[in-house]
N, C-alpha and C. Protein backbone atom coordinates (compact mmCIF):
# COMPACT_ATOMS: atom_id res chain seq x y z
N UNK A 1 0.84 -1.17 0.00
CA UNK A 1 0.00 0.00 0.00
C UNK A 1 0.89 1.24 0.00
N UNK A 2 0.52 2.19 -0.82
CA UNK A 2 1.25 3.45 -0.87
C UNK A 2 0.25 4.60 -0.99
N UNK A 3 0.76 5.79 -0.86
CA UNK A 3 -0.02 7.00 -1.11
C UNK A 3 -1.29 7.10 -0.28
N UNK A 4 -2.39 7.48 -0.94
CA UNK A 4 -3.66 7.69 -0.25
C UNK A 4 -4.19 6.41 0.39
N UNK A 5 -3.96 5.25 -0.24
CA UNK A 5 -4.40 3.99 0.35
C UNK A 5 -3.72 3.75 1.69
N UNK A 6 -2.44 4.05 1.76
CA UNK A 6 -1.68 3.93 3.00
C UNK A 6 -2.26 4.84 4.07
N UNK A 7 -2.49 6.09 3.72
CA UNK A 7 -3.06 7.04 4.67
C UNK A 7 -4.46 6.64 5.11
N UNK A 8 -5.26 6.12 4.19
CA UNK A 8 -6.61 5.67 4.54
C UNK A 8 -6.58 4.57 5.59
N UNK A 9 -5.66 3.62 5.45
CA UNK A 9 -5.56 2.53 6.43
C UNK A 9 -5.13 3.08 7.79
N UNK A 10 -4.14 3.96 7.79
CA UNK A 10 -3.70 4.55 9.07
C UNK A 10 -4.81 5.35 9.72
N UNK A 11 -5.54 6.13 8.93
CA UNK A 11 -6.65 6.91 9.48
C UNK A 11 -7.77 6.02 9.98
N UNK A 12 -8.06 4.93 9.29
CA UNK A 12 -9.09 3.99 9.74
C UNK A 12 -8.70 3.37 11.07
N UNK A 13 -7.44 2.99 11.20
CA UNK A 13 -6.96 2.41 12.47
C UNK A 13 -7.09 3.43 13.60
N UNK A 14 -6.71 4.65 13.33
CA UNK A 14 -6.81 5.69 14.36
C UNK A 14 -8.27 5.93 14.75
N UNK A 15 -9.13 6.05 13.76
CA UNK A 15 -10.54 6.35 14.03
C UNK A 15 -11.25 5.20 14.75
N UNK A 16 -10.78 3.99 14.53
CA UNK A 16 -11.44 2.82 15.11
C UNK A 16 -10.68 2.21 16.28
N UNK A 17 -9.62 2.87 16.70
CA UNK A 17 -8.91 2.49 17.92
C UNK A 17 -8.20 1.15 17.88
N UNK A 18 -7.57 0.83 16.76
CA UNK A 18 -6.79 -0.40 16.72
C UNK A 18 -5.39 -0.12 16.21
N UNK A 19 -4.49 -1.01 16.55
CA UNK A 19 -3.09 -0.89 16.12
C UNK A 19 -2.85 -1.81 14.93
N UNK A 20 -1.89 -1.46 14.13
CA UNK A 20 -1.46 -2.30 13.01
C UNK A 20 -0.10 -2.87 13.40
N UNK A 21 0.02 -4.19 13.47
CA UNK A 21 1.30 -4.76 13.88
C UNK A 21 2.38 -4.50 12.84
N UNK A 22 3.59 -4.26 13.32
CA UNK A 22 4.76 -4.10 12.47
C UNK A 22 5.76 -5.18 12.85
N UNK A 23 6.18 -5.96 11.87
CA UNK A 23 7.09 -7.07 12.13
C UNK A 23 8.34 -6.89 11.29
N UNK A 24 9.51 -6.87 11.96
CA UNK A 24 10.78 -6.86 11.24
C UNK A 24 11.01 -8.24 10.66
N UNK A 25 11.21 -8.29 9.36
CA UNK A 25 11.38 -9.57 8.68
C UNK A 25 12.81 -9.73 8.17
N UNK A 26 13.34 -10.94 8.35
CA UNK A 26 14.71 -11.24 7.95
C UNK A 26 14.81 -12.36 6.93
N UNK A 27 13.67 -13.02 6.65
CA UNK A 27 13.68 -14.11 5.67
C UNK A 27 12.25 -14.39 5.22
N UNK A 28 12.14 -15.09 4.11
CA UNK A 28 10.83 -15.32 3.52
C UNK A 28 9.86 -16.09 4.42
N UNK A 29 10.27 -17.05 5.22
CA UNK A 29 9.28 -17.72 6.08
C UNK A 29 8.62 -16.76 7.08
N UNK A 30 9.36 -15.76 7.54
CA UNK A 30 8.76 -14.78 8.45
C UNK A 30 7.78 -13.91 7.69
N UNK A 31 8.14 -13.51 6.48
CA UNK A 31 7.22 -12.73 5.64
C UNK A 31 5.93 -13.53 5.42
N UNK A 32 6.08 -14.80 5.05
CA UNK A 32 4.91 -15.64 4.78
C UNK A 32 4.03 -15.78 6.02
N UNK A 33 4.64 -15.93 7.19
CA UNK A 33 3.87 -16.04 8.43
C UNK A 33 3.08 -14.76 8.69
N UNK A 34 3.68 -13.61 8.40
CA UNK A 34 2.97 -12.34 8.55
C UNK A 34 1.78 -12.26 7.62
N UNK A 35 1.97 -12.67 6.38
CA UNK A 35 0.88 -12.64 5.41
C UNK A 35 -0.24 -13.60 5.82
N UNK A 36 0.13 -14.77 6.31
CA UNK A 36 -0.87 -15.73 6.77
C UNK A 36 -1.65 -15.18 7.96
N UNK A 37 -0.94 -14.52 8.90
CA UNK A 37 -1.61 -13.94 10.07
C UNK A 37 -2.56 -12.82 9.65
N UNK A 38 -2.12 -11.98 8.71
CA UNK A 38 -2.98 -10.90 8.23
C UNK A 38 -4.24 -11.46 7.56
N UNK A 39 -4.06 -12.53 6.78
CA UNK A 39 -5.20 -13.17 6.12
C UNK A 39 -6.16 -13.75 7.16
N UNK A 40 -5.62 -14.45 8.14
CA UNK A 40 -6.45 -15.07 9.17
C UNK A 40 -7.21 -14.02 9.97
N UNK A 41 -6.55 -12.90 10.28
CA UNK A 41 -7.17 -11.83 11.07
C UNK A 41 -8.00 -10.87 10.21
N UNK A 42 -7.91 -11.02 8.89
CA UNK A 42 -8.57 -10.09 7.97
C UNK A 42 -8.22 -8.65 8.35
N UNK A 43 -6.91 -8.41 8.47
CA UNK A 43 -6.43 -7.13 8.96
C UNK A 43 -5.17 -6.72 8.22
N UNK A 44 -4.89 -5.42 8.19
CA UNK A 44 -3.64 -4.96 7.57
C UNK A 44 -2.43 -5.33 8.41
N UNK A 45 -1.28 -5.29 7.78
CA UNK A 45 -0.01 -5.66 8.43
C UNK A 45 1.07 -4.72 7.93
N UNK A 46 1.98 -4.35 8.81
CA UNK A 46 3.18 -3.62 8.42
C UNK A 46 4.32 -4.63 8.42
N UNK A 47 4.91 -4.83 7.26
CA UNK A 47 6.10 -5.66 7.15
C UNK A 47 7.26 -4.70 6.95
N UNK A 48 8.23 -4.80 7.84
CA UNK A 48 9.35 -3.86 7.76
C UNK A 48 10.67 -4.59 7.74
N UNK A 49 11.64 -3.87 7.23
CA UNK A 49 12.99 -4.40 7.10
C UNK A 49 13.95 -3.42 7.75
N UNK A 50 14.85 -3.96 8.56
CA UNK A 50 15.93 -3.16 9.14
C UNK A 50 17.15 -3.30 8.25
N UNK A 51 18.15 -2.50 8.51
CA UNK A 51 19.40 -2.60 7.77
C UNK A 51 20.01 -4.00 7.94
N UNK A 52 20.13 -4.44 9.17
CA UNK A 52 20.72 -5.76 9.42
C UNK A 52 19.83 -6.87 8.87
N UNK A 53 18.53 -6.70 8.98
CA UNK A 53 17.61 -7.69 8.43
C UNK A 53 17.74 -7.80 6.92
N UNK A 54 17.91 -6.66 6.26
CA UNK A 54 18.11 -6.68 4.82
C UNK A 54 19.40 -7.38 4.44
N UNK A 55 20.46 -7.10 5.18
CA UNK A 55 21.74 -7.75 4.92
C UNK A 55 21.62 -9.26 5.14
N UNK A 56 20.90 -9.66 6.18
CA UNK A 56 20.69 -11.08 6.45
C UNK A 56 19.91 -11.73 5.31
N UNK A 57 18.89 -11.03 4.82
CA UNK A 57 18.08 -11.57 3.74
C UNK A 57 18.90 -11.74 2.47
N UNK A 58 19.90 -10.89 2.28
CA UNK A 58 20.74 -10.98 1.08
C UNK A 58 21.67 -12.19 1.14
N UNK A 59 21.91 -12.71 2.33
CA UNK A 59 22.75 -13.89 2.48
C UNK A 59 24.18 -13.54 2.84
N UNK A 60 24.92 -14.56 3.20
CA UNK A 60 26.29 -14.36 3.65
C UNK A 60 27.29 -14.29 2.51
N UNK A 61 26.81 -14.46 1.29
CA UNK A 61 27.70 -14.45 0.13
C UNK A 61 28.32 -13.10 -0.16
N UNK A 62 27.72 -12.05 0.38
CA UNK A 62 28.25 -10.70 0.18
C UNK A 62 28.59 -10.09 1.53
N UNK A 63 29.74 -9.47 1.58
CA UNK A 63 30.14 -8.78 2.81
C UNK A 63 29.24 -7.57 3.01
N UNK A 64 29.13 -7.16 4.26
CA UNK A 64 28.38 -5.95 4.60
C UNK A 64 29.30 -4.76 4.32
N UNK A 65 29.20 -4.22 3.12
CA UNK A 65 30.12 -3.19 2.64
C UNK A 65 29.65 -1.79 3.01
N UNK A 66 30.55 -0.84 2.90
CA UNK A 66 30.25 0.55 3.26
C UNK A 66 29.09 1.12 2.45
N UNK A 67 28.94 0.67 1.20
CA UNK A 67 27.86 1.20 0.38
C UNK A 67 26.50 0.59 0.73
N UNK A 68 26.50 -0.37 1.66
CA UNK A 68 25.28 -0.99 2.16
C UNK A 68 24.49 -1.73 1.07
N UNK A 69 25.16 -2.11 0.00
CA UNK A 69 24.49 -2.74 -1.14
C UNK A 69 23.77 -4.03 -0.74
N UNK A 70 24.41 -4.85 0.10
CA UNK A 70 23.76 -6.10 0.51
C UNK A 70 22.47 -5.81 1.27
N UNK A 71 22.51 -4.84 2.18
CA UNK A 71 21.31 -4.48 2.94
C UNK A 71 20.23 -3.92 2.03
N UNK A 72 20.62 -3.11 1.06
CA UNK A 72 19.65 -2.56 0.11
C UNK A 72 19.01 -3.69 -0.69
N UNK A 73 19.85 -4.55 -1.26
CA UNK A 73 19.33 -5.62 -2.12
C UNK A 73 18.49 -6.62 -1.35
N UNK A 74 18.85 -6.91 -0.10
CA UNK A 74 18.03 -7.79 0.72
C UNK A 74 16.66 -7.20 1.00
N UNK A 75 16.62 -5.90 1.29
CA UNK A 75 15.33 -5.23 1.53
C UNK A 75 14.50 -5.19 0.26
N UNK A 76 15.13 -4.90 -0.87
CA UNK A 76 14.41 -4.88 -2.15
C UNK A 76 13.86 -6.27 -2.45
N UNK A 77 14.67 -7.30 -2.28
CA UNK A 77 14.20 -8.67 -2.52
C UNK A 77 13.02 -9.01 -1.62
N UNK A 78 13.12 -8.62 -0.35
CA UNK A 78 12.01 -8.87 0.59
C UNK A 78 10.75 -8.13 0.18
N UNK A 79 10.91 -6.88 -0.24
CA UNK A 79 9.74 -6.09 -0.65
C UNK A 79 9.09 -6.69 -1.90
N UNK A 80 9.89 -7.14 -2.83
CA UNK A 80 9.34 -7.78 -4.04
C UNK A 80 8.62 -9.08 -3.68
N UNK A 81 9.16 -9.81 -2.74
CA UNK A 81 8.52 -11.04 -2.26
C UNK A 81 7.15 -10.71 -1.65
N UNK A 82 7.12 -9.68 -0.81
CA UNK A 82 5.87 -9.26 -0.19
C UNK A 82 4.86 -8.86 -1.25
N UNK A 83 5.28 -8.04 -2.19
CA UNK A 83 4.35 -7.57 -3.24
C UNK A 83 3.80 -8.73 -4.05
N UNK A 84 4.63 -9.72 -4.34
CA UNK A 84 4.18 -10.86 -5.13
C UNK A 84 3.13 -11.68 -4.38
N UNK A 85 3.31 -11.84 -3.07
CA UNK A 85 2.40 -12.70 -2.31
C UNK A 85 1.25 -11.97 -1.64
N UNK A 86 1.38 -10.69 -1.34
CA UNK A 86 0.29 -9.96 -0.67
C UNK A 86 -0.98 -10.00 -1.52
N UNK A 87 -0.82 -9.81 -2.80
CA UNK A 87 -1.99 -9.87 -3.69
C UNK A 87 -2.59 -11.28 -3.67
N UNK A 88 -1.73 -12.30 -3.69
CA UNK A 88 -2.17 -13.68 -3.64
C UNK A 88 -2.97 -13.96 -2.36
N UNK A 89 -2.48 -13.44 -1.22
CA UNK A 89 -3.17 -13.62 0.05
C UNK A 89 -4.38 -12.70 0.18
N UNK A 90 -4.41 -11.64 -0.62
CA UNK A 90 -5.52 -10.70 -0.56
C UNK A 90 -5.54 -9.84 0.69
N UNK A 91 -4.34 -9.45 1.15
CA UNK A 91 -4.26 -8.66 2.38
C UNK A 91 -3.55 -7.33 2.10
N UNK A 92 -3.97 -6.27 2.80
CA UNK A 92 -3.28 -4.99 2.66
C UNK A 92 -1.99 -5.00 3.47
N UNK A 93 -0.89 -4.67 2.82
CA UNK A 93 0.41 -4.66 3.48
C UNK A 93 1.08 -3.31 3.29
N UNK A 94 1.60 -2.78 4.37
CA UNK A 94 2.42 -1.58 4.34
C UNK A 94 3.87 -2.06 4.40
N UNK A 95 4.68 -1.64 3.45
CA UNK A 95 6.10 -2.00 3.41
C UNK A 95 6.91 -0.83 3.96
N UNK A 96 7.61 -1.06 5.03
CA UNK A 96 8.30 0.00 5.76
C UNK A 96 9.74 -0.42 6.03
N UNK A 97 10.65 0.54 6.06
CA UNK A 97 12.00 0.24 6.52
C UNK A 97 12.21 0.90 7.86
N UNK A 98 12.84 0.16 8.75
CA UNK A 98 12.98 0.56 10.14
C UNK A 98 14.18 1.50 10.33
N UNK A 99 14.32 2.01 11.50
CA UNK A 99 15.30 3.01 11.91
C UNK A 99 16.58 3.05 11.06
N UNK A 100 16.82 4.20 10.45
CA UNK A 100 18.06 4.44 9.71
C UNK A 100 18.81 5.58 10.38
N UNK A 101 19.93 5.26 10.97
CA UNK A 101 20.76 6.28 11.62
C UNK A 101 21.63 6.98 10.58
N UNK A 102 22.31 8.01 11.00
CA UNK A 102 23.19 8.77 10.10
C UNK A 102 24.26 7.87 9.49
N UNK A 103 24.77 6.94 10.28
CA UNK A 103 25.83 6.04 9.79
C UNK A 103 25.33 5.13 8.66
N UNK A 104 24.02 4.96 8.56
CA UNK A 104 23.44 4.06 7.56
C UNK A 104 22.82 4.81 6.38
N UNK A 105 23.16 6.08 6.22
CA UNK A 105 22.56 6.85 5.12
C UNK A 105 22.79 6.25 3.74
N UNK A 106 23.92 5.57 3.46
CA UNK A 106 24.03 4.93 2.14
C UNK A 106 22.93 3.88 1.91
N UNK A 107 22.50 3.21 2.96
CA UNK A 107 21.38 2.26 2.87
C UNK A 107 20.10 3.01 2.50
N UNK A 108 19.84 4.10 3.20
CA UNK A 108 18.66 4.93 2.96
C UNK A 108 18.65 5.43 1.51
N UNK A 109 19.80 5.93 1.06
CA UNK A 109 19.90 6.42 -0.33
C UNK A 109 19.63 5.30 -1.33
N UNK A 110 20.16 4.12 -1.05
CA UNK A 110 19.91 2.98 -1.94
C UNK A 110 18.45 2.59 -1.99
N UNK A 111 17.77 2.67 -0.86
CA UNK A 111 16.35 2.36 -0.82
C UNK A 111 15.54 3.40 -1.60
N UNK A 112 15.93 4.66 -1.48
CA UNK A 112 15.24 5.71 -2.25
C UNK A 112 15.44 5.51 -3.74
N UNK A 113 16.64 5.10 -4.14
CA UNK A 113 16.89 4.80 -5.55
C UNK A 113 16.02 3.64 -6.02
N UNK A 114 15.90 2.61 -5.19
CA UNK A 114 15.04 1.47 -5.54
C UNK A 114 13.59 1.91 -5.69
N UNK A 115 13.15 2.81 -4.81
CA UNK A 115 11.79 3.35 -4.92
C UNK A 115 11.60 4.06 -6.25
N UNK A 116 12.58 4.88 -6.62
CA UNK A 116 12.48 5.65 -7.87
C UNK A 116 12.45 4.72 -9.08
N UNK A 117 13.29 3.69 -9.08
CA UNK A 117 13.32 2.73 -10.19
C UNK A 117 11.99 1.98 -10.29
N UNK A 118 11.46 1.56 -9.16
CA UNK A 118 10.19 0.84 -9.15
C UNK A 118 9.07 1.76 -9.62
N UNK A 119 9.10 3.00 -9.15
CA UNK A 119 8.08 3.97 -9.54
C UNK A 119 8.09 4.21 -11.05
N UNK A 120 9.26 4.31 -11.63
CA UNK A 120 9.37 4.54 -13.07
C UNK A 120 8.72 3.41 -13.87
N UNK A 121 8.76 2.20 -13.34
CA UNK A 121 8.19 1.05 -14.03
C UNK A 121 6.73 0.79 -13.69
N UNK A 122 6.32 1.13 -12.45
CA UNK A 122 5.00 0.69 -11.95
C UNK A 122 4.08 1.83 -11.51
N UNK A 123 4.57 3.06 -11.49
CA UNK A 123 3.72 4.19 -11.11
C UNK A 123 3.49 4.34 -9.63
N UNK A 124 4.23 3.60 -8.81
CA UNK A 124 4.17 3.75 -7.36
C UNK A 124 5.50 3.31 -6.78
N UNK A 125 5.85 3.81 -5.58
CA UNK A 125 7.13 3.42 -4.99
C UNK A 125 7.08 1.97 -4.51
N UNK A 126 8.25 1.36 -4.39
CA UNK A 126 8.34 -0.02 -3.91
C UNK A 126 7.91 -0.11 -2.45
N UNK A 127 8.39 0.81 -1.63
CA UNK A 127 8.07 0.83 -0.21
C UNK A 127 7.00 1.88 0.09
N UNK A 128 6.25 1.64 1.16
CA UNK A 128 5.24 2.60 1.60
C UNK A 128 5.89 3.76 2.35
N UNK A 129 6.92 3.45 3.15
CA UNK A 129 7.54 4.48 3.97
C UNK A 129 8.92 4.02 4.43
N UNK A 130 9.72 5.01 4.85
CA UNK A 130 11.05 4.77 5.40
C UNK A 130 11.19 5.59 6.69
N UNK A 131 11.95 5.08 7.63
CA UNK A 131 12.17 5.81 8.88
C UNK A 131 13.62 6.29 8.96
N UNK A 132 13.80 7.59 8.94
CA UNK A 132 15.10 8.21 9.17
C UNK A 132 15.14 8.59 10.64
N UNK A 133 16.08 8.02 11.38
CA UNK A 133 16.17 8.22 12.82
C UNK A 133 17.51 8.88 13.15
N UNK A 134 17.47 10.16 13.41
CA UNK A 134 18.68 10.89 13.75
C UNK A 134 18.72 11.25 15.24
N UNK A 135 18.07 10.43 16.06
CA UNK A 135 18.00 10.71 17.49
C UNK A 135 19.36 10.62 18.18
N UNK A 136 20.32 9.94 17.58
CA UNK A 136 21.66 9.86 18.16
C UNK A 136 22.48 11.12 17.89
N UNK A 137 22.00 11.94 16.99
CA UNK A 137 22.71 13.18 16.62
C UNK A 137 22.28 14.30 17.55
N UNK A 138 23.06 15.35 17.60
CA UNK A 138 22.77 16.48 18.49
C UNK A 138 21.51 17.21 18.03
N UNK A 139 20.91 17.90 18.95
CA UNK A 139 19.72 18.70 18.62
C UNK A 139 20.07 19.75 17.57
N UNK A 140 21.26 20.33 17.69
CA UNK A 140 21.68 21.34 16.72
C UNK A 140 21.76 20.76 15.31
N UNK A 141 22.35 19.58 15.21
CA UNK A 141 22.46 18.95 13.90
C UNK A 141 21.08 18.58 13.33
N UNK A 142 20.20 18.13 14.19
CA UNK A 142 18.85 17.80 13.73
C UNK A 142 18.11 19.04 13.27
N UNK A 143 18.32 20.16 13.93
CA UNK A 143 17.66 21.40 13.52
C UNK A 143 18.15 21.87 12.16
N UNK A 144 19.44 21.63 11.90
CA UNK A 144 19.99 22.00 10.59
C UNK A 144 19.29 21.22 9.51
């Protein structure tokens, strides 16, 4: 879910007093379990990927490099897996990436590039949302 559909689900949850679970996923069986739970509950689900989770999903064949390519590609692969199966399960899924600190900005940039590439082909971004977390930085730096 992206755009207005994403906002509609969040607003519906707020108006009706329920939470939408968010699960950090590191491999396809966890993604599948989330989709099955959403189907059983007839409810939306937030499937999210962390930097480390994305790197884990990419496998041990690639080192965790400074450009964060393994983490980016693992998250992209996970998101594509979710998109392929969410429609099959018939459940609304929000695709989110979890906390990105300043040290992980190459990962964030790679995810934004993946969104742009997906958007160019499909008319919507790959992910619903991303979380930039600069809470470890000074207040002054955050204000800048």
